[in-house]
Amino acid sequence: MRMGWRAAGLAGFFLALATIPVTSQPRGPSVVYAQDELPDVETPGVVPQQEEASPQFQKQVVFFRTNEEPGTIIIHTSERYLYLVMGNNRALRYGVGVGRDGFTWQGLHKITRKAEWPDWRPPPEMIERQPYLPRFMAGGPGNPLGARALYIGTTIYRIHGTNQPHTIGHAVSSGCFRMVNNDVIDLFDRVPIGTRVIVKHAPAM
């Protein structure tokens, strides 16, 4: 008799559970990246759909006070701008993408090589972080180095184009400086091998 009461009680309990409406489980917050927290987006094979960066990062002549000679390239990573000194307190300013946290650097170098539609060989350090990357990719619109590359000293870093122009103004690279293809072509045509390159963290005055 006691077992019958227990069975009836359990049956009633489970029947009550079955009548409770089922609600969806709460979901965790969607991932939203801040401006300087975008993932490393070296993406081979992506052909850019547009060639313009945000308006504040588009090429323009600006007031720029410096003692450096005209023709010098000065990159202020904190501002996300590359300046080509013109003289008379003026410079041609371009928006750039810079190294993400842990990959920023500064120094004084020269342009030691220039290449049109360069091939891409990810350095061993990048392959170690992203083993899925190709070991070689021929130059072309889908190449992460874009239309032009200017090689900086004996470093592994370059000023180059990009197949992802929306990354201009962000800190997303592995230490290189990205420009939209139209801008890097313009810079490429303006500066020769041997051009002085100064990379700084501090904002321009």
C-alpha atoms as a PDB file:
ATOM      1  CA  MET A   1       0.000   0.000   0.000  1.00  0.00           C
ATOM      2  CA  ARG A   2       2.802   2.423   0.896  1.00  0.00           C
ATOM      3  CA  MET A   3       4.531   1.644  -2.399  1.00  0.00           C
ATOM      4  CA  GLY A   4       1.298   2.495  -4.236  1.00  0.00           C
ATOM      5  CA  TRP A   5       1.121   5.887  -2.566  1.00  0.00           C
ATOM      6  CA  ARG A   6       4.764   6.560  -3.423  1.00  0.00           C
ATOM      7  CA  ALA A   7       4.270   5.622  -7.050  1.00  0.00           C
ATOM      8  CA  ALA A   8       1.185   7.802  -7.283  1.00  0.00           C
ATOM      9  CA  GLY A   9       3.066  10.687  -5.691  1.00  0.00           C
ATOM     10  CA  LEU A  10       5.987  10.414  -8.104  1.00  0.00           C
ATOM     11  CA  ALA A  11       3.646  10.195 -11.071  1.00  0.00           C
ATOM     12  CA  GLY A  12       1.902  13.349  -9.960  1.00  0.00           C
ATOM     13  CA  PHE A  13       5.231  15.137  -9.486  1.00  0.00           C
ATOM     14  CA  PHE A  14       6.461  14.345 -13.009  1.00  0.00           C
ATOM     15  CA  LEU A  15       3.057  15.245 -14.464  1.00  0.00           C
ATOM     16  CA  ALA A  16       3.309  18.631 -12.795  1.00  0.00           C
ATOM     17  CA  LEU A  17       6.793  19.137 -14.251  1.00  0.00           C
ATOM     18  CA  ALA A  18       5.491  18.320 -17.711  1.00  0.00           C
ATOM     19  CA  THR A  19       2.907  21.091 -17.456  1.00  0.00           C
ATOM     20  CA  ILE A  20       5.485  23.795 -16.612  1.00  0.00           C
ATOM     21  CA  PRO A  21       6.172  25.880 -19.761  1.00  0.00           C
ATOM     22  CA  VAL A  22       9.673  25.457 -21.140  1.00  0.00           C
ATOM     23  CA  THR A  23      11.646  28.710 -21.457  1.00  0.00           C
ATOM     24  CA  SER A  24      14.779  29.189 -23.518  1.00  0.00           C
ATOM     25  CA  GLN A  25      18.057  29.163 -21.644  1.00  0.00           C
ATOM     26  CA  PRO A  26      19.680  32.573 -21.234  1.00  0.00           C
ATOM     27  CA  ARG A  27      22.455  33.152 -23.730  1.00  0.00           C
ATOM     28  CA  GLY A  28      25.810  34.649 -22.953  1.00  0.00           C
ATOM     29  CA  PRO A  29      26.580  38.116 -24.238  1.00  0.00           C
ATOM     30  CA  SER A  30      27.452  38.353 -27.921  1.00  0.00           C
ATOM     31  CA  VAL A  31      31.083  39.104 -28.633  1.00  0.00           C
ATOM     32  CA  VAL A  32      31.683  42.736 -29.514  1.00  0.00           C
ATOM     33  CA  TYR A  33      35.237  43.809 -30.220  1.00  0.00           C
ATOM     34  CA  ALA A  34      36.473  47.241 -29.247  1.00  0.00           C
ATOM     35  CA  GLN A  35      38.425  49.210 -31.832  1.00  0.00           C
ATOM     36  CA  ASP A  36      41.819  47.901 -30.687  1.00  0.00           C
ATOM     37  CA  GLU A  37      40.680  44.374 -29.829  1.00  0.00           C
ATOM     38  CA  LEU A  38      39.928  43.025 -33.293  1.00  0.00           C
ATOM     39  CA  PRO A  39      41.405  39.601 -34.018  1.00  0.00           C
ATOM     40  CA  ASP A  40      44.420  39.289 -36.259  1.00  0.00           C
ATOM     41  CA  VAL A  41      42.735  39.435 -39.639  1.00  0.00           C
ATOM     42  CA  GLU A  42      45.463  38.464 -42.084  1.00  0.00           C
ATOM     43  CA  THR A  43      43.019  36.763 -44.446  1.00  0.00           C
ATOM     44  CA  PRO A  44      44.380  35.370 -47.710  1.00  0.00           C
ATOM     45  CA  GLY A  45      42.083  35.107 -50.692  1.00  0.00           C
ATOM     46  CA  VAL A  46      39.747  37.979 -49.792  1.00  0.00           C
ATOM     47  CA  VAL A  47      39.270  40.485 -52.621  1.00  0.00           C
ATOM     48  CA  PRO A  48      38.385  43.961 -51.296  1.00  0.00           C
ATOM     49  CA  GLN A  49      34.926  45.241 -52.197  1.00  0.00           C
ATOM     50  CA  GLN A  50      35.793  48.888 -51.639  1.00  0.00           C
ATOM     51  CA  GLU A  51      39.000  50.881 -51.413  1.00  0.00           C
ATOM     52  CA  GLU A  52      38.145  53.707 -49.007  1.00  0.00           C
ATOM     53  CA  ALA A  53      38.843  53.922 -45.304  1.00  0.00           C
ATOM     54  CA  SER A  54      36.735  55.928 -42.867  1.00  0.00           C
ATOM     55  CA  PRO A  55      36.713  59.674 -43.691  1.00  0.00           C
ATOM     56  CA  GLN A  56      39.140  60.624 -40.890  1.00  0.00           C
ATOM     57  CA  PHE A  57      41.716  58.207 -42.316  1.00  0.00           C
ATOM     58  CA  GLN A  58      41.579  59.334 -45.923  1.00  0.00           C
ATOM     59  CA  LYS A  59      44.634  60.924 -47.523  1.00  0.00           C
ATOM     60  CA  GLN A  60      44.998  64.684 -47.064  1.00  0.00           C
ATOM     61  CA  VAL A  61      47.570  67.469 -46.707  1.00  0.00           C
ATOM     62  CA  VAL A  62      47.830  68.630 -43.083  1.00  0.00           C
ATOM     63  CA  PHE A  63      49.823  71.033 -40.931  1.00  0.00           C
ATOM     64  CA  PHE A  64      52.809  69.116 -39.561  1.00  0.00           C
ATOM     65  CA  ARG A  65      55.718  70.615 -37.652  1.00  0.00           C
ATOM     66  CA  THR A  66      58.967  68.665 -37.859  1.00  0.00           C
ATOM     67  CA  ASN A  67      62.698  69.140 -38.356  1.00  0.00           C
ATOM     68  CA  GLU A  68      62.897  66.093 -40.615  1.00  0.00           C
ATOM     69  CA  GLU A  69      63.769  66.518 -44.274  1.00  0.00           C
ATOM     70  CA  PRO A  70      61.026  66.523 -46.939  1.00  0.00           C
ATOM     71  CA  GLY A  71      60.447  63.002 -48.191  1.00  0.00           C
ATOM     72  CA  THR A  72      60.797  61.432 -44.730  1.00  0.00           C
ATOM     73  CA  ILE A  73      58.106  58.974 -43.632  1.00  0.00           C
ATOM     74  CA  ILE A  74      56.959  59.374 -40.019  1.00  0.00           C
ATOM     75  CA  ILE A  75      54.458  56.896 -38.559  1.00  0.00           C
ATOM     76  CA  HIS A  76      52.629  57.690 -35.330  1.00  0.00           C
ATOM     77  CA  THR A  77      51.175  54.371 -34.234  1.00  0.00           C
ATOM     78  CA  SER A  78      49.052  55.882 -31.459  1.00  0.00           C
ATOM     79  CA  GLU A  79      47.293  58.115 -34.004  1.00  0.00           C
ATOM     80  CA  ARG A  80      47.044  55.497 -36.777  1.00  0.00           C
ATOM     81  CA  TYR A  81      48.600  57.935 -39.256  1.00  0.00           C
ATOM     82  CA  LEU A  82      51.558  57.865 -41.629  1.00  0.00           C
ATOM     83  CA  TYR A  83      52.995  61.266 -42.579  1.00  0.00           C
ATOM     84  CA  LEU A  84      55.080  61.971 -45.667  1.00  0.00           C
ATOM     85  CA  VAL A  85      56.945  65.195 -44.890  1.00  0.00           C
ATOM     86  CA  MET A  86      56.498  67.857 -47.576  1.00  0.00           C
ATOM     87  CA  GLY A  87      58.315  70.811 -45.990  1.00  0.00           C
ATOM     88  CA  ASN A  88      56.975  74.238 -44.965  1.00  0.00           C
ATOM     89  CA  ASN A  89      55.197  72.639 -41.985  1.00  0.00           C
ATOM     90  CA  ARG A  90      53.087  70.433 -44.204  1.00  0.00           C
ATOM     91  CA  ALA A  91      52.785  66.702 -44.692  1.00  0.00           C
ATOM     92  CA  LEU A  92      50.710  64.301 -46.697  1.00  0.00           C
ATOM     93  CA  ARG A  93      48.823  62.226 -44.133  1.00  0.00           C
ATOM     94  CA  TYR A  94      47.523  58.697 -44.713  1.00  0.00           C
ATOM     95  CA  GLY A  95      45.478  56.474 -42.424  1.00  0.00           C
ATOM     96  CA  VAL A  96      47.116  53.166 -41.507  1.00  0.00           C
ATOM     97  CA  GLY A  97      46.427  49.983 -39.602  1.00  0.00           C
ATOM     98  CA  VAL A  98      49.104  49.236 -37.004  1.00  0.00           C
ATOM     99  CA  GLY A  99      50.345  46.419 -34.787  1.00  0.00           C
ATOM    100  CA  ARG A 100      47.953  45.115 -32.181  1.00  0.00           C
ATOM    101  CA  ASP A 101      48.802  44.962 -28.491  1.00  0.00           C
ATOM    102  CA  GLY A 102      52.124  43.213 -28.046  1.00  0.00           C
ATOM    103  CA  PHE A 103      53.203  43.840 -31.651  1.00  0.00           C
ATOM    104  CA  THR A 104      53.859  47.587 -31.624  1.00  0.00           C
ATOM    105  CA  TRP A 105      57.388  48.855 -32.073  1.00  0.00           C
ATOM    106  CA  GLN A 106      59.321  52.025 -32.789  1.00  0.00           C
ATOM    107  CA  GLY A 107      62.604  52.868 -34.429  1.00  0.00           C
ATOM    108  CA  LEU A 108      64.524  54.504 -37.242  1.00  0.00           C
ATOM    109  CA  HIS A 109      65.033  52.649 -40.517  1.00  0.00           C
ATOM    110  CA  LYS A 110      65.047  53.113 -44.291  1.00  0.00           C
ATOM    111  CA  ILE A 111      63.063  51.656 -47.154  1.00  0.00           C
ATOM    112  CA  THR A 112      65.294  48.878 -48.473  1.00  0.00           C
ATOM    113  CA  ARG A 113      63.024  47.331 -51.092  1.00  0.00           C
ATOM    114  CA  LYS A 114      59.836  48.050 -53.041  1.00  0.00           C
ATOM    115  CA  ALA A 115      57.544  45.547 -54.739  1.00  0.00           C
ATOM    116  CA  GLU A 116      54.420  45.757 -56.880  1.00  0.00           C
ATOM    117  CA  TRP A 117      51.743  43.163 -56.136  1.00  0.00           C
ATOM    118  CA  PRO A 118      54.165  41.369 -53.808  1.00  0.00           C
ATOM    119  CA  ASP A 119      54.093  37.673 -53.022  1.00  0.00           C
ATOM    120  CA  TRP A 120      53.302  36.787 -49.416  1.00  0.00           C
ATOM    121  CA  ARG A 121      55.355  34.419 -47.288  1.00  0.00           C
ATOM    122  CA  PRO A 122      54.130  34.558 -43.690  1.00  0.00           C
ATOM    123  CA  PRO A 123      57.108  34.578 -41.291  1.00  0.00           C
ATOM    124  CA  PRO A 124      57.586  31.543 -39.013  1.00  0.00           C
ATOM    125  CA  GLU A 125      56.336  33.514 -36.011  1.00  0.00           C
ATOM    126  CA  MET A 126      52.996  34.161 -37.714  1.00  0.00           C
ATOM    127  CA  ILE A 127      52.648  30.566 -38.897  1.00  0.00           C
ATOM    128  CA  GLU A 128      53.252  29.392 -35.338  1.00  0.00           C
ATOM    129  CA  ARG A 129      50.350  31.557 -34.163  1.00  0.00           C
ATOM    130  CA  GLN A 130      48.151  30.764 -37.170  1.00  0.00           C
ATOM    131  CA  PRO A 131      49.188  27.337 -38.527  1.00  0.00           C
ATOM    132  CA  TYR A 132      46.331  27.318 -41.041  1.00  0.00           C
ATOM    133  CA  LEU A 133      47.946  30.117 -43.095  1.00  0.00           C
ATOM    134  CA  PRO A 134      49.434  29.252 -46.488  1.00  0.00           C
ATOM    135  CA  ARG A 135      53.234  29.119 -46.654  1.00  0.00           C
ATOM    136  CA  PHE A 136      53.207  31.088 -49.903  1.00  0.00           C
ATOM    137  CA  MET A 137      50.696  33.151 -51.811  1.00  0.00           C
ATOM    138  CA  ALA A 138      51.334  34.826 -55.159  1.00  0.00           C
ATOM    139  CA  GLY A 139      50.656  38.530 -55.488  1.00  0.00           C
ATOM    140  CA  GLY A 140      47.209  39.651 -56.539  1.00  0.00           C
ATOM    141  CA  PRO A 141      43.991  41.302 -55.335  1.00  0.00           C
ATOM    142  CA  GLY A 142      43.364  38.581 -52.734  1.00  0.00           C
ATOM    143  CA  ASN A 143      46.864  38.789 -51.287  1.00  0.00           C
ATOM    144  CA  PRO A 144      47.021  40.270 -47.734  1.00  0.00           C
ATOM    145  CA  LEU A 145      49.925  42.535 -48.795  1.00  0.00           C
ATOM    146  CA  GLY A 146      47.731  44.292 -51.334  1.00  0.00           C
ATOM    147  CA  ALA A 147      48.949  46.208 -54.350  1.00  0.00           C
ATOM    148  CA  ARG A 148      52.346  47.420 -53.115  1.00  0.00           C
ATOM    149  CA  ALA A 149      54.872  46.790 -50.348  1.00  0.00           C
ATOM    150  CA  LEU A 150      57.701  48.927 -49.008  1.00  0.00           C
ATOM    151  CA  TYR A 151      60.116  46.873 -46.919  1.00  0.00           C
ATOM    152  CA  ILE A 152      61.487  48.513 -43.763  1.00  0.00           C
ATOM    153  CA  GLY A 153      65.203  48.021 -43.106  1.00  0.00           C
ATOM    154  CA  THR A 154      66.209  44.461 -42.259  1.00  0.00           C
ATOM    155  CA  THR A 155      63.059  43.908 -40.209  1.00  0.00           C
ATOM    156  CA  ILE A 156      60.194  41.589 -41.131  1.00  0.00           C
ATOM    157  CA  TYR A 157      57.896  44.629 -41.255  1.00  0.00           C
ATOM    158  CA  ARG A 158      56.472  46.425 -44.288  1.00  0.00           C
ATOM    159  CA  ILE A 159      54.260  49.279 -45.276  1.00  0.00           C
ATOM    160  CA  HIS A 160      51.814  47.532 -47.554  1.00  0.00           C
ATOM    161  CA  GLY A 161      48.333  47.486 -49.005  1.00  0.00           C
ATOM    162  CA  THR A 162      45.516  45.391 -47.655  1.00  0.00           C
ATOM    163  CA  ASN A 163      42.644  43.263 -48.908  1.00  0.00           C
ATOM    164  CA  GLN A 164      40.616  44.418 -45.871  1.00  0.00           C
ATOM    165  CA  PRO A 165      40.388  48.234 -46.025  1.00  0.00           C
ATOM    166  CA  HIS A 166      37.944  48.346 -43.097  1.00  0.00           C
ATOM    167  CA  THR A 167      40.892  47.573 -40.790  1.00  0.00           C
ATOM    168  CA  ILE A 168      42.529  50.947 -41.456  1.00  0.00           C
ATOM    169  CA  GLY A 169      42.608  52.933 -38.220  1.00  0.00           C
ATOM    170  CA  HIS A 170      42.706  49.795 -36.082  1.00  0.00           C
ATOM    171  CA  ALA A 171      45.461  47.965 -34.221  1.00  0.00           C
ATOM    172  CA  VAL A 172      45.172  44.526 -35.803  1.00  0.00           C
ATOM    173  CA  SER A 173      48.400  43.601 -37.589  1.00  0.00           C
ATOM    174  CA  SER A 174      51.448  41.625 -36.512  1.00  0.00           C
ATOM    175  CA  GLY A 175      53.620  44.741 -36.694  1.00  0.00           C
ATOM    176  CA  CYS A 176      53.277  45.858 -40.318  1.00  0.00           C
ATOM    177  CA  PHE A 177      51.539  49.059 -41.403  1.00  0.00           C
ATOM    178  CA  ARG A 178      48.508  48.657 -43.667  1.00  0.00           C
ATOM    179  CA  MET A 179      47.146  51.180 -46.121  1.00  0.00           C
ATOM    180  CA  VAL A 180      44.276  50.997 -48.591  1.00  0.00           C
ATOM    181  CA  ASN A 181      45.614  49.995 -51.987  1.00  0.00           C
ATOM    182  CA  ASN A 182      45.057  53.387 -53.608  1.00  0.00           C
ATOM    183  CA  ASP A 183      47.067  55.073 -50.840  1.00  0.00           C
ATOM    184  CA  VAL A 184      49.954  52.621 -50.823  1.00  0.00           C
ATOM    185  CA  ILE A 185      50.239  52.968 -54.611  1.00  0.00           C
ATOM    186  CA  ASP A 186      50.370  56.752 -54.173  1.00  0.00           C
ATOM    187  CA  LEU A 187      53.062  56.499 -51.475  1.00  0.00           C
ATOM    188  CA  PHE A 188      54.986  53.886 -53.475  1.00  0.00           C
ATOM    189  CA  ASP A 189      55.218  56.270 -56.432  1.00  0.00           C
ATOM    190  CA  ARG A 190      56.379  59.168 -54.253  1.00  0.00           C
ATOM    191  CA  VAL A 191      59.252  57.629 -52.270  1.00  0.00           C
ATOM    192  CA  PRO A 192      62.441  55.918 -53.472  1.00  0.00           C
ATOM    193  CA  ILE A 193      64.474  53.142 -51.905  1.00  0.00           C
ATOM    194  CA  GLY A 194      66.556  54.689 -49.130  1.00  0.00           C
ATOM    195  CA  THR A 195      63.704  56.833 -47.800  1.00  0.00           C
ATOM    196  CA  ARG A 196      64.051  57.454 -44.075  1.00  0.00           C
ATOM    197  CA  VAL A 197      61.295  55.847 -41.955  1.00  0.00           C
ATOM    198  CA  ILE A 198      60.649  56.926 -38.357  1.00  0.00           C
ATOM    199  CA  VAL A 199      58.165  54.931 -36.275  1.00  0.00           C
ATOM    200  CA  LYS A 200      56.918  56.609 -33.092  1.00  0.00           C
ATOM    201  CA  HIS A 201      54.357  55.896 -30.385  1.00  0.00           C
ATOM    202  CA  ALA A 202      53.856  59.479 -29.241  1.00  0.00           C
ATOM    203  CA  PRO A 203      51.238  61.647 -30.994  1.00  0.00           C
ATOM    204  CA  ALA A 204      52.363  64.256 -33.512  1.00  0.00           C
ATOM    205  CA  MET A 205      52.713  67.835 -32.246  1.00  0.00           C
END
